[in-house]
Amino acid sequence: MTRCLFAFALCLSIFAGGARAEETTTTLNREEIEVIVRDYIAEHPEIIVEAIRAWQHQAEAEQAAAAQQAMAARADELYDDSETPFAGNPDGDVVIVEFFDYRCGYCRHSAPDLFALVEKDPNVKVVFKEFPILGEASRLAARAALAAREQDMYFDFHQALMQADIGFSEEEIMAVAASVGLDTDKLKADMAAPEIDAYLARTDALARELGIGGTPAFVVDGTLYPGALDAQDFDELVAMGRQG
């Protein structure tokens, strides 16, 4: 495999006009090297796939390392931000952070199991990072949910929105709000607060820095878990977190 990767790298260097390859091949001219490399690739096309896979693995490792550094550097904002809603035990021994969008089907798939975890485990804290990336309707729902903090009803409203079969128009969102007991006139007024847009911008920046480009994404004990999780996954992550 090393030989394959070397040949592929040499080919790229030559076609890009790499001086280093020419400096190390004093006995062959450029045209001769091009023929050798092309013939080798024609005989062994699998080296292209091998080289791409090696590059992907390296890129993924670098991305994971950068994400871990960002999580460590911004741990307070990630786990203990005073503006970020949460459910469960504020001093829980395991903290699960979720970046989500109300209109994300995978988020909605994970939601019931996450809510059940909060109910059954008194030592878990779940932090909800509003990350509306699926359009203006998602952003409207996020702003409404964040405004519900002013009436101390974020979690009730969050659960209802996550499980409501609606198209997320303002009228539908307000109907859900009313169903859980929110004052919708106050909710609409609170949604206009510039602090909400500032918070969403800050959360978006945090997500991007962690390398999160989709929803849902969960962070547990300094590790990022992209994609939907179920009850078994949550139980395993909690157990791992308690093992240290």
Protein backbone atom coordinates (compact mmCIF):
# COMPACT_ATOMS: atom_id res chain seq x y z
CA MET A 1 0.00 0.00 0.00
CA THR A 2 2.90 2.33 0.77
CA ARG A 3 4.18 1.88 -2.76
CA CYS A 4 0.72 2.61 -4.14
CA LEU A 5 0.38 5.78 -2.15
CA PHE A 6 3.86 6.89 -3.15
CA ALA A 7 3.06 6.38 -6.80
CA PHE A 8 -0.16 8.32 -6.49
CA ALA A 9 1.53 11.14 -4.60
CA LEU A 10 4.31 11.25 -7.17
CA CYS A 11 1.75 11.45 -9.94
CA LEU A 12 -0.02 14.35 -8.30
CA SER A 13 3.24 16.15 -7.72
CA ILE A 14 4.32 15.77 -11.32
CA PHE A 15 1.04 16.87 -12.86
CA ALA A 16 1.00 19.85 -10.51
CA GLY A 17 4.52 20.82 -11.51
CA GLY A 18 6.01 19.70 -8.18
CA ALA A 19 9.70 20.53 -8.05
CA ARG A 20 10.40 18.11 -5.22
CA ALA A 21 9.53 15.07 -7.35
CA GLU A 22 11.82 16.30 -10.13
CA GLU A 23 14.65 16.91 -7.67
CA THR A 24 14.45 13.31 -6.41
CA THR A 25 14.30 11.67 -9.85
CA THR A 26 17.51 12.79 -11.48
CA THR A 27 17.86 9.75 -13.75
CA LEU A 28 14.46 10.08 -15.41
CA ASN A 29 12.96 13.04 -17.16
CA ARG A 30 9.43 14.27 -16.56
CA GLU A 31 7.90 12.54 -19.57
CA GLU A 32 9.38 9.17 -18.60
CA ILE A 33 8.08 9.46 -15.05
CA GLU A 34 4.63 10.38 -16.32
CA VAL A 35 4.55 7.25 -18.47
CA ILE A 36 5.66 5.05 -15.55
CA VAL A 37 3.10 6.47 -13.21
CA ARG A 38 0.28 6.34 -15.75
CA ASP A 39 1.09 2.74 -16.60
CA TYR A 40 1.21 1.79 -12.95
CA ILE A 41 -2.16 3.43 -12.24
CA ALA A 42 -3.67 1.75 -15.31
CA GLU A 43 -2.48 -1.62 -13.99
CA HIS A 44 -3.45 -0.86 -10.39
CA PRO A 45 -6.50 1.46 -10.41
CA GLU A 46 -7.23 0.49 -6.80
CA ILE A 47 -4.47 2.83 -5.65
CA ILE A 48 -6.75 5.78 -6.38
CA VAL A 49 -9.34 4.43 -3.94
CA GLU A 50 -6.66 3.59 -1.38
CA ALA A 51 -5.17 7.06 -1.58
CA ILE A 52 -8.56 8.75 -1.25
CA ARG A 53 -9.44 6.58 1.75
CA ALA A 54 -6.12 7.39 3.41
CA TRP A 55 -6.74 11.09 2.85
CA GLN A 56 -10.28 10.79 4.24
CA HIS A 57 -9.06 9.00 7.37
CA GLN A 58 -6.45 11.67 7.94
CA ALA A 59 -8.98 14.47 7.40
CA GLU A 60 -11.46 12.83 9.79
CA ALA A 61 -8.78 12.39 12.45
CA GLU A 62 -7.74 16.02 12.13
CA GLN A 63 -11.37 17.17 12.31
CA ALA A 64 -12.00 15.06 15.42
CA ALA A 65 -8.89 16.45 17.11
CA ALA A 66 -9.93 20.02 16.29
CA ALA A 67 -13.43 19.36 17.64
CA GLN A 68 -12.06 17.99 20.91
CA GLN A 69 -9.84 21.01 21.33
CA ALA A 70 -12.81 23.31 20.69
CA MET A 71 -14.97 21.40 23.18
CA ALA A 72 -12.30 21.71 25.84
CA ALA A 73 -11.74 25.41 25.14
CA ARG A 74 -15.47 26.24 25.19
CA ALA A 75 -16.61 23.76 27.83
CA ASP A 76 -18.39 26.39 29.93
CA GLU A 77 -20.45 27.57 26.98
CA LEU A 78 -21.14 24.01 25.90
CA TYR A 79 -22.21 22.52 29.22
CA ASP A 80 -23.02 25.38 31.62
CA ASP A 81 -24.15 28.39 29.61
CA SER A 82 -26.70 30.27 31.74
CA GLU A 83 -28.76 31.21 28.67
CA THR A 84 -29.07 27.66 27.37
CA PRO A 85 -32.17 25.69 28.41
CA PHE A 86 -31.74 22.31 30.05
CA ALA A 87 -33.76 19.55 31.65
CA GLY A 88 -32.97 17.18 34.48
CA ASN A 89 -30.52 17.62 37.30
CA PRO A 90 -28.53 20.87 37.07
CA ASP A 91 -25.73 19.11 38.96
CA GLY A 92 -26.04 15.83 37.10
CA ASP A 93 -23.01 13.57 36.96
CA VAL A 94 -23.54 13.07 33.21
CA VAL A 95 -24.33 15.93 30.83
CA ILE A 96 -25.74 15.33 27.35
CA VAL A 97 -25.72 18.29 24.98
CA GLU A 98 -27.98 18.12 21.93
CA PHE A 99 -27.79 20.39 18.88
CA PHE A 100 -31.15 20.04 17.16
CA ASP A 101 -33.72 21.44 14.76
CA TYR A 102 -37.46 21.06 15.43
CA ARG A 103 -38.11 20.11 11.80
CA CYS A 104 -35.36 17.49 11.70
CA GLY A 105 -36.87 14.01 11.42
CA TYR A 106 -33.88 12.38 13.07
CA CYS A 107 -34.09 14.80 16.00
CA ARG A 108 -37.76 13.99 16.40
CA HIS A 109 -36.94 10.28 16.28
CA SER A 110 -34.48 10.62 19.18
CA ALA A 111 -36.62 12.99 21.23
CA PRO A 112 -38.96 10.52 23.04
CA ASP A 113 -36.04 8.39 24.23
CA LEU A 114 -34.15 11.48 25.39
CA PHE A 115 -37.20 12.73 27.30
CA ALA A 116 -37.63 9.27 28.85
CA LEU A 117 -34.00 9.35 29.99
CA VAL A 118 -34.61 12.61 31.84
CA GLU A 119 -37.62 11.06 33.55
CA LYS A 120 -35.95 7.83 34.64
CA ASP A 121 -32.47 9.03 35.58
CA PRO A 122 -32.35 11.71 38.29
CA ASN A 123 -28.63 12.31 37.82
CA VAL A 124 -28.61 13.28 34.14
CA LYS A 125 -28.60 16.81 32.75
CA VAL A 126 -29.69 17.35 29.15
CA VAL A 127 -28.70 20.65 27.52
CA PHE A 128 -30.73 21.82 24.52
CA LYS A 129 -28.82 23.81 21.91
CA GLU A 130 -31.23 25.32 19.41
CA PHE A 131 -29.58 24.91 15.99
CA PRO A 132 -32.23 25.78 13.36
CA ILE A 133 -30.58 24.94 10.04
CA LEU A 134 -33.57 23.75 7.99
CA GLY A 135 -35.04 27.08 7.00
CA GLU A 136 -37.02 29.99 8.32
CA ALA A 137 -39.77 27.82 9.82
CA SER A 138 -37.14 26.08 11.96
CA ARG A 139 -35.78 29.42 13.09
CA LEU A 140 -39.28 30.62 13.96
CA ALA A 141 -39.84 27.55 16.14
CA ALA A 142 -36.45 28.03 17.83
CA ARG A 143 -37.18 31.68 18.59
CA ALA A 144 -40.58 30.75 20.04
CA ALA A 145 -39.05 28.04 22.22
CA LEU A 146 -36.35 30.36 23.52
CA ALA A 147 -38.95 33.05 24.22
CA ALA A 148 -40.83 30.52 26.36
CA ARG A 149 -38.00 30.79 28.89
CA GLU A 150 -39.56 34.07 29.99
CA GLN A 151 -42.58 32.10 31.20
CA ASP A 152 -40.48 29.26 32.65
CA MET A 153 -42.05 26.82 30.22
CA TYR A 154 -39.26 26.00 27.83
CA PHE A 155 -39.12 22.25 28.46
CA ASP A 156 -42.88 21.72 28.29
CA PHE A 157 -43.03 23.67 25.04
CA HIS A 158 -39.93 21.96 23.67
CA GLN A 159 -41.41 18.52 24.23
CA ALA A 160 -44.68 19.55 22.62
CA LEU A 161 -42.98 21.04 19.56
CA MET A 162 -40.78 17.99 19.11
CA GLN A 163 -43.79 15.70 19.05
CA ALA A 164 -46.34 17.91 17.26
CA ASP A 165 -47.42 16.90 13.77
CA ILE A 166 -47.41 20.40 12.28
CA GLY A 167 -45.86 22.34 9.42
CA PHE A 168 -44.36 24.94 11.79
CA SER A 169 -46.19 27.99 10.58
CA GLU A 170 -46.51 30.75 13.17
CA GLU A 171 -50.19 29.92 13.65
CA GLU A 172 -49.42 26.25 14.28
CA ILE A 173 -46.55 27.06 16.65
CA MET A 174 -48.80 29.38 18.64
CA ALA A 175 -51.47 26.69 18.82
CA VAL A 176 -48.94 24.31 20.36
CA ALA A 177 -47.86 27.06 22.74
CA ALA A 178 -51.43 27.63 23.87
CA SER A 179 -51.94 23.90 24.37
CA VAL A 180 -49.20 23.79 27.02
CA GLY A 181 -50.44 26.91 28.78
CA LEU A 182 -48.24 29.65 27.37
CA ASP A 183 -49.51 33.20 27.05
CA THR A 184 -49.17 33.54 23.29
CA ASP A 185 -49.39 37.34 23.24
CA LYS A 186 -46.45 37.55 25.63
CA LEU A 187 -44.66 34.82 23.71
CA LYS A 188 -44.90 36.77 20.44
CA ALA A 189 -43.61 39.91 22.13
CA ASP A 190 -40.70 38.05 23.74
CA MET A 191 -39.77 36.44 20.42
CA ALA A 192 -38.84 39.88 19.09
CA ALA A 193 -36.06 40.33 21.66
CA PRO A 194 -32.71 40.89 19.90
CA GLU A 195 -31.05 38.75 22.54
CA ILE A 196 -32.67 35.67 20.99
CA ASP A 197 -31.10 36.29 17.58
CA ALA A 198 -27.77 37.00 19.27
CA TYR A 199 -28.03 33.72 21.18
CA LEU A 200 -28.84 31.74 18.03
CA ALA A 201 -25.88 33.32 16.24
CA ARG A 202 -23.61 32.38 19.13
CA THR A 203 -24.88 28.80 19.18
CA ASP A 204 -24.44 28.54 15.42
CA ALA A 205 -20.84 29.69 15.75
CA LEU A 206 -20.22 27.16 18.51
CA ALA A 207 -21.66 24.33 16.42
CA ARG A 208 -19.55 25.27 13.41
CA GLU A 209 -16.43 25.42 15.55
CA LEU A 210 -17.15 21.91 16.81
CA GLY A 211 -17.53 20.72 13.22
CA ILE A 212 -21.28 20.17 13.53
CA GLY A 213 -23.00 20.65 10.19
CA GLY A 214 -26.17 18.63 10.69
CA THR A 215 -28.73 17.61 13.27
CA PRO A 216 -29.02 15.98 15.64
CA ALA A 217 -25.55 16.02 17.16
CA PHE A 218 -24.85 15.02 20.74
CA VAL A 219 -21.86 15.83 22.91
CA VAL A 220 -21.17 13.62 25.93
CA ASP A 221 -18.05 13.79 28.06
CA GLY A 222 -16.02 15.58 25.42
CA THR A 223 -17.00 13.28 22.54
CA LEU A 224 -19.19 14.23 19.59
CA TYR A 225 -21.85 11.76 18.41
CA PRO A 226 -23.50 12.90 15.16
CA GLY A 227 -26.82 11.42 14.11
CA ALA A 228 -29.91 10.01 15.78
CA LEU A 229 -29.57 8.00 18.99
CA ASP A 230 -32.06 5.69 20.69
CA ALA A 231 -32.71 4.57 24.25
CA GLN A 232 -29.98 1.93 24.21
CA ASP A 233 -27.47 4.47 22.88
CA PHE A 234 -28.34 6.96 25.62
CA ASP A 235 -28.05 4.29 28.31
CA GLU A 236 -24.64 3.26 27.01
CA LEU A 237 -23.39 6.85 26.84
CA VAL A 238 -24.56 7.53 30.39
CA ALA A 239 -22.86 4.36 31.63
CA MET A 240 -19.65 5.31 29.84
CA GLY A 241 -19.80 8.80 31.30
CA ARG A 242 -20.09 7.43 34.82
CA GLN A 243 -17.20 5.07 34.30
CA GLY A 244 -15.02 8.09 33.57
